[in-house]
Amino acid sequence: MTDSKDTPPANSVPDRLSTIPSSGYYEPVHLERGIGIRFKGRERNDVEEYCISEGWIRVQAGKTRDRHGNPLTIKLNGEVEAWFEDVGEG
């Protein structure tokens, strides 16, 4: 029997997720499955963090870096949809 804490539910996409390891919302278990994001009706593949309930995404602001060498991000507001990309694979 598999441990349900290690495996995310089949269709339960997290409300908030980040690709940045230092973030409190970084969940590698969910990221391994692949997350698709649609923002304002357009699919995006450059999303660093999102929140469905608050309606925003964070994306890199060009090649600009902060003083610690991390990429600067901007927060965009709008309708956010998320899904697991591996759903339907055997």
PDB file of N, CA and C in Angstrom:
ATOM      1  N   MET A   1       0.848  -1.187   0.000  1.00  0.00           N
ATOM      2  CA  MET A   1       0.000   0.000   0.000  1.00  0.00           C
ATOM      3  C   MET A   1       0.890   1.244   0.000  1.00  0.00           C
ATOM      4  N   THR A   2       0.577   2.204  -0.833  1.00  0.00           N
ATOM      5  CA  THR A   2       1.394   3.409  -0.927  1.00  0.00           C
ATOM      6  C   THR A   2       0.961   4.416   0.126  1.00  0.00           C
ATOM      7  N   ASP A   3       1.888   5.237   0.543  1.00  0.00           N
ATOM      8  CA  ASP A   3       1.596   6.261   1.542  1.00  0.00           C
ATOM      9  C   ASP A   3       0.950   7.456   0.847  1.00  0.00           C
ATOM     10  N   SER A   4      -0.262   7.815   1.235  1.00  0.00           N
ATOM     11  CA  SER A   4      -0.986   8.897   0.567  1.00  0.00           C
ATOM     12  C   SER A   4      -0.372  10.265   0.814  1.00  0.00           C
ATOM     13  N   LYS A   5       0.492  10.398   1.815  1.00  0.00           N
ATOM     14  CA  LYS A   5       1.149  11.684   2.067  1.00  0.00           C
ATOM     15  C   LYS A   5       2.217  11.967   1.023  1.00  0.00           C
ATOM     16  N   ASP A   6       2.799  10.917   0.419  1.00  0.00           N
ATOM     17  CA  ASP A   6       3.844  11.096  -0.583  1.00  0.00           C
ATOM     18  C   ASP A   6       3.286  11.340  -1.973  1.00  0.00           C
ATOM     19  N   THR A   7       2.067  10.910  -2.220  1.00  0.00           N
ATOM     20  CA  THR A   7       1.480  11.034  -3.538  1.00  0.00           C
ATOM     21  C   THR A   7       0.358  12.059  -3.523  1.00  0.00           C
ATOM     22  N   PRO A   8       0.452  13.108  -4.353  1.00  0.00           N
ATOM     23  CA  PRO A   8      -0.628  14.087  -4.391  1.00  0.00           C
ATOM     24  C   PRO A   8      -1.884  13.480  -5.002  1.00  0.00           C
ATOM     25  N   PRO A   9      -3.059  13.966  -4.610  1.00  0.00           N
ATOM     26  CA  PRO A   9      -4.303  13.472  -5.198  1.00  0.00           C
ATOM     27  C   PRO A   9      -4.314  13.670  -6.708  1.00  0.00           C
ATOM     28  N   ALA A  10      -5.038  12.823  -7.413  1.00  0.00           N
ATOM     29  CA  ALA A  10      -4.996  12.780  -8.879  1.00  0.00           C
ATOM     30  C   ALA A  10      -5.304  14.119  -9.540  1.00  0.00           C
ATOM     31  N   ASN A  11      -6.358  14.791  -9.131  1.00  0.00           N
ATOM     32  CA  ASN A  11      -6.761  16.022  -9.811  1.00  0.00           C
ATOM     33  C   ASN A  11      -6.693  17.243  -8.915  1.00  0.00           C
ATOM     34  N   SER A  12      -6.084  17.134  -7.762  1.00  0.00           N
ATOM     35  CA  SER A  12      -6.049  18.226  -6.798  1.00  0.00           C
ATOM     36  C   SER A  12      -4.802  19.083  -6.995  1.00  0.00           C
ATOM     37  N   VAL A  13      -4.916  20.101  -7.822  1.00  0.00           N
ATOM     38  CA  VAL A  13      -3.812  21.020  -8.059  1.00  0.00           C
ATOM     39  C   VAL A  13      -3.726  21.965  -6.867  1.00  0.00           C
ATOM     40  N   PRO A  14      -2.522  22.209  -6.322  1.00  0.00           N
ATOM     41  CA  PRO A  14      -2.416  23.126  -5.180  1.00  0.00           C
ATOM     42  C   PRO A  14      -2.861  24.541  -5.545  1.00  0.00           C
ATOM     43  N   ASP A  15      -3.473  25.218  -4.585  1.00  0.00           N
ATOM     44  CA  ASP A  15      -3.944  26.584  -4.797  1.00  0.00           C
ATOM     45  C   ASP A  15      -2.785  27.538  -5.034  1.00  0.00           C
ATOM     46  N   ARG A  16      -1.668  27.286  -4.367  1.00  0.00           N
ATOM     47  CA  ARG A  16      -0.496  28.144  -4.516  1.00  0.00           C
ATOM     48  C   ARG A  16       0.740  27.260  -4.611  1.00  0.00           C
ATOM     49  N   LEU A  17       1.619  27.552  -5.574  1.00  0.00           N
ATOM     50  CA  LEU A  17       2.808  26.743  -5.800  1.00  0.00           C
ATOM     51  C   LEU A  17       3.918  27.625  -6.349  1.00  0.00           C
ATOM     52  N   SER A  18       5.157  27.306  -5.957  1.00  0.00           N
ATOM     53  CA  SER A  18       6.319  28.060  -6.401  1.00  0.00           C
ATOM     54  C   SER A  18       7.382  27.108  -6.930  1.00  0.00           C
ATOM     55  N   THR A  19       8.141  27.564  -7.921  1.00  0.00           N
ATOM     56  CA  THR A  19       9.258  26.781  -8.449  1.00  0.00           C
ATOM     57  C   THR A  19      10.572  27.153  -7.776  1.00  0.00           C
ATOM     58  N   ILE A  20      10.537  28.106  -6.856  1.00  0.00           N
ATOM     59  CA  ILE A  20      11.739  28.586  -6.169  1.00  0.00           C
ATOM     60  C   ILE A  20      11.937  27.776  -4.887  1.00  0.00           C
ATOM     61  N   PRO A  21      13.053  27.030  -4.771  1.00  0.00           N
ATOM     62  CA  PRO A  21      13.261  26.153  -3.615  1.00  0.00           C
ATOM     63  C   PRO A  21      13.253  26.854  -2.261  1.00  0.00           C
ATOM     64  N   SER A  22      13.601  28.114  -2.190  1.00  0.00           N
ATOM     65  CA  SER A  22      13.627  28.817  -0.907  1.00  0.00           C
ATOM     66  C   SER A  22      12.242  29.296  -0.466  1.00  0.00           C
ATOM     67  N   SER A  23      11.238  29.148  -1.319  1.00  0.00           N
ATOM     68  CA  SER A  23       9.879  29.582  -1.003  1.00  0.00           C
ATOM     69  C   SER A  23       9.186  28.571  -0.091  1.00  0.00           C
ATOM     70  N   GLY A  24       8.297  29.057   0.736  1.00  0.00           N
ATOM     71  CA  GLY A  24       7.496  28.186   1.582  1.00  0.00           C
ATOM     72  C   GLY A  24       6.455  27.403   0.798  1.00  0.00           C
ATOM     73  N   TYR A  25       6.204  27.771  -0.436  1.00  0.00           N
ATOM     74  CA  TYR A  25       5.205  27.115  -1.277  1.00  0.00           C
ATOM     75  C   TYR A  25       5.846  26.194  -2.314  1.00  0.00           C
ATOM     76  N   TYR A  26       7.106  25.890  -2.160  1.00  0.00           N
ATOM     77  CA  TYR A  26       7.819  24.984  -3.062  1.00  0.00           C
ATOM     78  C   TYR A  26       7.467  23.550  -2.696  1.00  0.00           C
ATOM     79  N   GLU A  27       6.895  22.799  -3.623  1.00  0.00           N
ATOM     80  CA  GLU A  27       6.504  21.403  -3.405  1.00  0.00           C
ATOM     81  C   GLU A  27       7.031  20.566  -4.565  1.00  0.00           C
ATOM     82  N   PRO A  28       8.211  19.938  -4.414  1.00  0.00           N
ATOM     83  CA  PRO A  28       8.783  19.171  -5.519  1.00  0.00           C
ATOM     84  C   PRO A  28       7.916  17.995  -5.967  1.00  0.00           C
ATOM     85  N   VAL A  29       7.116  17.433  -5.070  1.00  0.00           N
ATOM     86  CA  VAL A  29       6.240  16.312  -5.444  1.00  0.00           C
ATOM     87  C   VAL A  29       5.251  16.749  -6.522  1.00  0.00           C
ATOM     88  N   HIS A  30       4.699  17.945  -6.390  1.00  0.00           N
ATOM     89  CA  HIS A  30       3.759  18.459  -7.381  1.00  0.00           C
ATOM     90  C   HIS A  30       4.490  18.880  -8.656  1.00  0.00           C
ATOM     91  N   LEU A  31       5.655  19.471  -8.526  1.00  0.00           N
ATOM     92  CA  LEU A  31       6.393  19.954  -9.688  1.00  0.00           C
ATOM     93  C   LEU A  31       6.888  18.814 -10.570  1.00  0.00           C
ATOM     94  N   GLU A  32       7.193  17.654  -9.983  1.00  0.00           N
ATOM     95  CA  GLU A  32       7.639  16.505 -10.763  1.00  0.00           C
ATOM     96  C   GLU A  32       6.578  16.054 -11.755  1.00  0.00           C
ATOM     97  N   ARG A  33       5.325  16.215 -11.380  1.00  0.00           N
ATOM     98  CA  ARG A  33       4.223  15.809 -12.251  1.00  0.00           C
ATOM     99  C   ARG A  33       4.044  16.765 -13.418  1.00  0.00           C
ATOM    100  N   GLY A  34       4.495  17.988 -13.278  1.00  0.00           N
ATOM    101  CA  GLY A  34       4.316  18.999 -14.310  1.00  0.00           C
ATOM    102  C   GLY A  34       3.014  19.744 -14.105  1.00  0.00           C
ATOM    103  N   ILE A  35       3.102  21.044 -14.027  1.00  0.00           N
ATOM    104  CA  ILE A  35       1.928  21.885 -13.825  1.00  0.00           C
ATOM    105  C   ILE A  35       1.760  22.771 -15.056  1.00  0.00           C
ATOM    106  N   GLY A  36       0.555  22.768 -15.601  1.00  0.00           N
ATOM    107  CA  GLY A  36       0.229  23.668 -16.698  1.00  0.00           C
ATOM    108  C   GLY A  36      -0.501  24.878 -16.136  1.00  0.00           C
ATOM    109  N   ILE A  37      -0.187  26.058 -16.662  1.00  0.00           N
ATOM    110  CA  ILE A  37      -0.803  27.302 -16.186  1.00  0.00           C
ATOM    111  C   ILE A  37      -1.425  28.042 -17.370  1.00  0.00           C
ATOM    112  N   ARG A  38      -2.661  28.466 -17.183  1.00  0.00           N
ATOM    113  CA  ARG A  38      -3.323  29.351 -18.151  1.00  0.00           C
ATOM    114  C   ARG A  38      -3.639  30.646 -17.411  1.00  0.00           C
ATOM    115  N   PHE A  39      -3.119  31.759 -17.928  1.00  0.00           N
ATOM    116  CA  PHE A  39      -3.310  33.065 -17.309  1.00  0.00           C
ATOM    117  C   PHE A  39      -4.007  33.972 -18.307  1.00  0.00           C
ATOM    118  N   LYS A  40      -5.171  34.462 -17.921  1.00  0.00           N
ATOM    119  CA  LYS A  40      -6.005  35.312 -18.788  1.00  0.00           C
ATOM    120  C   LYS A  40      -6.259  34.651 -20.139  1.00  0.00           C
ATOM    121  N   GLY A  41      -6.514  33.331 -20.114  1.00  0.00           N
ATOM    122  CA  GLY A  41      -6.845  32.607 -21.328  1.00  0.00           C
ATOM    123  C   GLY A  41      -5.673  32.184 -22.186  1.00  0.00           C
ATOM    124  N   ARG A  42      -4.442  32.461 -21.775  1.00  0.00           N
ATOM    125  CA  ARG A  42      -3.251  32.123 -22.560  1.00  0.00           C
ATOM    126  C   ARG A  42      -2.346  31.219 -21.748  1.00  0.00           C
ATOM    127  N   GLU A  43      -1.905  30.110 -22.334  1.00  0.00           N
ATOM    128  CA  GLU A  43      -1.001  29.208 -21.621  1.00  0.00           C
ATOM    129  C   GLU A  43       0.362  29.862 -21.460  1.00  0.00           C
ATOM    130  N   ARG A  44       0.914  29.727 -20.236  1.00  0.00           N
ATOM    131  CA  ARG A  44       2.224  30.318 -19.928  1.00  0.00           C
ATOM    132  C   ARG A  44       3.163  29.228 -19.449  1.00  0.00           C
ATOM    133  N   ASN A  45       4.419  29.321 -19.829  1.00  0.00           N
ATOM    134  CA  ASN A  45       5.415  28.367 -19.351  1.00  0.00           C
ATOM    135  C   ASN A  45       6.557  29.067 -18.624  1.00  0.00           C
ATOM    136  N   ASP A  46       6.384  30.340 -18.311  1.00  0.00           N
ATOM    137  CA  ASP A  46       7.421  31.117 -17.635  1.00  0.00           C
ATOM    138  C   ASP A  46       7.019  31.524 -16.221  1.00  0.00           C
ATOM    139  N   VAL A  47       6.046  30.836 -15.639  1.00  0.00           N
ATOM    140  CA  VAL A  47       5.510  31.190 -14.322  1.00  0.00           C
ATOM    141  C   VAL A  47       6.425  30.656 -13.227  1.00  0.00           C
ATOM    142  N   GLU A  48       6.849  31.533 -12.318  1.00  0.00           N
ATOM    143  CA  GLU A  48       7.683  31.149 -11.179  1.00  0.00           C
ATOM    144  C   GLU A  48       6.847  30.767  -9.961  1.00  0.00           C
ATOM    145  N   GLU A  49       5.690  31.423  -9.797  1.00  0.00           N
ATOM    146  CA  GLU A  49       4.799  31.160  -8.672  1.00  0.00           C
ATOM    147  C   GLU A  49       3.395  31.585  -9.091  1.00  0.00           C
ATOM    148  N   TYR A  50       2.387  30.905  -8.530  1.00  0.00           N
ATOM    149  CA  TYR A  50       1.011  31.286  -8.824  1.00  0.00           C
ATOM    150  C   TYR A  50       0.134  31.092  -7.598  1.00  0.00           C
ATOM    151  N   CYS A  51      -1.007  31.770  -7.599  1.00  0.00           N
ATOM    152  CA  CYS A  51      -2.037  31.584  -6.580  1.00  0.00           C
ATOM    153  C   CYS A  51      -3.388  31.698  -7.280  1.00  0.00           C
ATOM    154  N   ILE A  52      -4.116  30.587  -7.296  1.00  0.00           N
ATOM    155  CA  ILE A  52      -5.397  30.551  -7.991  1.00  0.00           C
ATOM    156  C   ILE A  52      -6.444  31.388  -7.260  1.00  0.00           C
ATOM    157  N   SER A  53      -6.558  31.220  -5.929  1.00  0.00           N
ATOM    158  CA  SER A  53      -7.619  31.899  -5.177  1.00  0.00           C
ATOM    159  C   SER A  53      -7.452  33.417  -5.162  1.00  0.00           C
ATOM    160  N   GLU A  54      -6.203  33.905  -5.162  1.00  0.00           N
ATOM    161  CA  GLU A  54      -5.964  35.346  -5.167  1.00  0.00           C
ATOM    162  C   GLU A  54      -5.867  35.903  -6.575  1.00  0.00           C
ATOM    163  N   GLY A  55      -5.718  35.052  -7.588  1.00  0.00           N
ATOM    164  CA  GLY A  55      -5.709  35.483  -8.984  1.00  0.00           C
ATOM    165  C   GLY A  55      -4.451  36.216  -9.407  1.00  0.00           C
ATOM    166  N   TRP A  56      -3.273  35.616  -9.198  1.00  0.00           N
ATOM    167  CA  TRP A  56      -2.037  36.244  -9.644  1.00  0.00           C
ATOM    168  C   TRP A  56      -0.978  35.190  -9.973  1.00  0.00           C
ATOM    169  N   ILE A  57       0.002  35.627 -10.786  1.00  0.00           N
ATOM    170  CA  ILE A  57       1.186  34.829 -11.083  1.00  0.00           C
ATOM    171  C   ILE A  57       2.411  35.721 -10.930  1.00  0.00           C
ATOM    172  N   ARG A  58       3.567  35.113 -10.739  1.00  0.00           N
ATOM    173  CA  ARG A  58       4.845  35.818 -10.730  1.00  0.00           C
ATOM    174  C   ARG A  58       5.686  35.300 -11.881  1.00  0.00           C
ATOM    175  N   VAL A  59       6.250  36.229 -12.662  1.00  0.00           N
ATOM    176  CA  VAL A  59       7.132  35.889 -13.769  1.00  0.00           C
ATOM    177  C   VAL A  59       8.401  36.722 -13.677  1.00  0.00           C
ATOM    178  N   GLN A  60       9.452  36.240 -14.316  1.00  0.00           N
ATOM    179  CA  GLN A  60      10.715  36.988 -14.317  1.00  0.00           C
ATOM    180  C   GLN A  60      10.563  38.288 -15.072  1.00  0.00           C
ATOM    181  N   ALA A  61      11.249  39.325 -14.574  1.00  0.00           N
ATOM    182  CA  ALA A  61      11.254  40.640 -15.225  1.00  0.00           C
ATOM    183  C   ALA A  61      12.507  40.750 -16.086  1.00  0.00           C
ATOM    184  N   GLY A  62      12.489  40.092 -17.232  1.00  0.00           N
ATOM    185  CA  GLY A  62      13.643  40.111 -18.129  1.00  0.00           C
ATOM    186  C   GLY A  62      14.838  39.395 -17.532  1.00  0.00           C
ATOM    187  N   LYS A  63      16.019  39.931 -17.760  1.00  0.00           N
ATOM    188  CA  LYS A  63      17.238  39.332 -17.235  1.00  0.00           C
ATOM    189  C   LYS A  63      17.754  40.056 -15.998  1.00  0.00           C
ATOM    190  N   THR A  64      16.940  40.933 -15.456  1.00  0.00           N
ATOM    191  CA  THR A  64      17.326  41.736 -14.301  1.00  0.00           C
ATOM    192  C   THR A  64      17.486  40.862 -13.065  1.00  0.00           C
ATOM    193  N   ARG A  65      18.538  41.141 -12.280  1.00  0.00           N
ATOM    194  CA  ARG A  65      18.825  40.390 -11.053  1.00  0.00           C
ATOM    195  C   ARG A  65      18.866  41.337  -9.870  1.00  0.00           C
ATOM    196  N   ASP A  66      18.567  40.794  -8.680  1.00  0.00           N
ATOM    197  CA  ASP A  66      18.698  41.603  -7.473  1.00  0.00           C
ATOM    198  C   ASP A  66      20.136  41.535  -6.971  1.00  0.00           C
ATOM    199  N   ARG A  67      20.418  42.150  -5.855  1.00  0.00           N
ATOM    200  CA  ARG A  67      21.796  42.219  -5.361  1.00  0.00           C
ATOM    201  C   ARG A  67      22.329  40.874  -4.892  1.00  0.00           C
ATOM    202  N   HIS A  68      21.445  39.887  -4.718  1.00  0.00           N
ATOM    203  CA  HIS A  68      21.871  38.549  -4.320  1.00  0.00           C
ATOM    204  C   HIS A  68      22.003  37.609  -5.515  1.00  0.00           C
ATOM    205  N   GLY A  69      21.749  38.113  -6.706  1.00  0.00           N
ATOM    206  CA  GLY A  69      21.864  37.313  -7.916  1.00  0.00           C
ATOM    207  C   GLY A  69      20.599  36.570  -8.309  1.00  0.00           C
ATOM    208  N   ASN A  70      19.520  36.768  -7.563  1.00  0.00           N
ATOM    209  CA  ASN A  70      18.251  36.125  -7.890  1.00  0.00           C
ATOM    210  C   ASN A  70      17.502  36.948  -8.929  1.00  0.00           C
ATOM    211  N   PRO A  71      16.763  36.285  -9.814  1.00  0.00           N
ATOM    212  CA  PRO A  71      15.999  37.040 -10.807  1.00  0.00           C
ATOM    213  C   PRO A  71      14.893  37.864 -10.157  1.00  0.00           C
ATOM    214  N   LEU A  72      14.695  39.079 -10.660  1.00  0.00           N
ATOM    215  CA  LEU A  72      13.578  39.901 -10.197  1.00  0.00           C
ATOM    216  C   LEU A  72      12.298  39.382 -10.843  1.00  0.00           C
ATOM    217  N   THR A  73      11.215  39.392 -10.083  1.00  0.00           N
ATOM    218  CA  THR A  73       9.937  38.937 -10.606  1.00  0.00           C
ATOM    219  C   THR A  73       8.898  40.043 -10.480  1.00  0.00           C
ATOM    220  N   ILE A  74       7.891  39.966 -11.344  1.00  0.00           N
ATOM    221  CA  ILE A  74       6.768  40.886 -11.257  1.00  0.00           C
ATOM    222  C   ILE A  74       5.502  40.063 -11.040  1.00  0.00           C
ATOM    223  N   LYS A  75       4.550  40.676 -10.360  1.00  0.00           N
ATOM    224  CA  LYS A  75       3.287  40.019 -10.044  1.00  0.00           C
ATOM    225  C   LYS A  75       2.223  40.536 -11.004  1.00  0.00           C
ATOM    226  N   LEU A  76       1.577  39.625 -11.722  1.00  0.00           N
ATOM    227  CA  LEU A  76       0.523  39.969 -12.663  1.00  0.00           C
ATOM    228  C   LEU A  76      -0.805  39.446 -12.127  1.00  0.00           C
ATOM    229  N   ASN A  77      -1.835  40.275 -12.150  1.00  0.00           N
ATOM    230  CA  ASN A  77      -3.155  39.897 -11.644  1.00  0.00           C
ATOM    231  C   ASN A  77      -4.083  39.527 -12.783  1.00  0.00           C
ATOM    232  N   GLY A  78      -4.883  38.490 -12.549  1.00  0.00           N
ATOM    233  CA  GLY A  78      -5.856  38.054 -13.541  1.00  0.00           C
ATOM    234  C   GLY A  78      -6.334  36.645 -13.232  1.00  0.00           C
ATOM    235  N   GLU A  79      -7.139  36.094 -14.117  1.00  0.00           N
ATOM    236  CA  GLU A  79      -7.686  34.753 -13.929  1.00  0.00           C
ATOM    237  C   GLU A  79      -6.603  33.701 -14.147  1.00  0.00           C
ATOM    238  N   VAL A  80      -6.452  32.790 -13.178  1.00  0.00           N
ATOM    239  CA  VAL A  80      -5.427  31.748 -13.227  1.00  0.00           C
ATOM    240  C   VAL A  80      -6.094  30.381 -13.203  1.00  0.00           C
ATOM    241  N   GLU A  81      -5.693  29.509 -14.131  1.00  0.00           N
ATOM    242  CA  GLU A  81      -6.124  28.115 -14.140  1.00  0.00           C
ATOM    243  C   GLU A  81      -4.871  27.257 -14.098  1.00  0.00           C
ATOM    244  N   ALA A  82      -4.925  26.138 -13.370  1.00  0.00           N
ATOM    245  CA  ALA A  82      -3.774  25.237 -13.273  1.00  0.00           C
ATOM    246  C   ALA A  82      -4.250  23.794 -13.397  1.00  0.00           C
ATOM    247  N   TRP A  83      -3.382  22.937 -13.942  1.00  0.00           N
ATOM    248  CA  TRP A  83      -3.698  21.523 -14.078  1.00  0.00           C
ATOM    249  C   TRP A  83      -2.397  20.726 -14.075  1.00  0.00           C
ATOM    250  N   PHE A  84      -2.513  19.441 -13.748  1.00  0.00           N
ATOM    251  CA  PHE A  84      -1.374  18.534 -13.836  1.00  0.00           C
ATOM    252  C   PHE A  84      -1.235  18.093 -15.275  1.00  0.00           C
ATOM    253  N   GLU A  85      -0.022  18.158 -15.807  1.00  0.00           N
ATOM    254  CA  GLU A  85       0.195  17.786 -17.204  1.00  0.00           C
ATOM    255  C   GLU A  85       0.277  16.280 -17.392  1.00  0.00           C
ATOM    256  N   ASP A  86       0.524  15.517 -16.331  1.00  0.00           N
ATOM    257  CA  ASP A  86       0.634  14.065 -16.483  1.00  0.00           C
ATOM    258  C   ASP A  86      -0.689  13.338 -16.319  1.00  0.00           C
ATOM    259  N   VAL A  87      -1.806  14.044 -16.134  1.00  0.00           N
ATOM    260  CA  VAL A  87      -3.106  13.403 -15.995  1.00  0.00           C
ATOM    261  C   VAL A  87      -3.462  12.768 -17.339  1.00  0.00           C
ATOM    262  N   GLY A  88      -3.867  11.522 -17.280  1.00  0.00           N
ATOM    263  CA  GLY A  88      -4.224  10.806 -18.512  1.00  0.00           C
ATOM    264  C   GLY A  88      -3.109   9.906 -19.003  1.00  0.00           C
ATOM    265  N   GLU A  89      -1.892  10.075 -18.494  1.00  0.00           N
ATOM    266  CA  GLU A  89      -0.810   9.176 -18.865  1.00  0.00           C
ATOM    267  C   GLU A  89      -0.934   7.906 -18.053  1.00  0.00           C
ATOM    268  N   GLY A  90      -0.559   6.780 -18.660  1.00  0.00           N
ATOM    269  CA  GLY A  90      -0.721   5.497 -17.999  1.00  0.00           C
ATOM    270  C   GLY A  90       0.322   5.235 -17.025  1.00  0.00           C
TER     271      GLY A  90
END
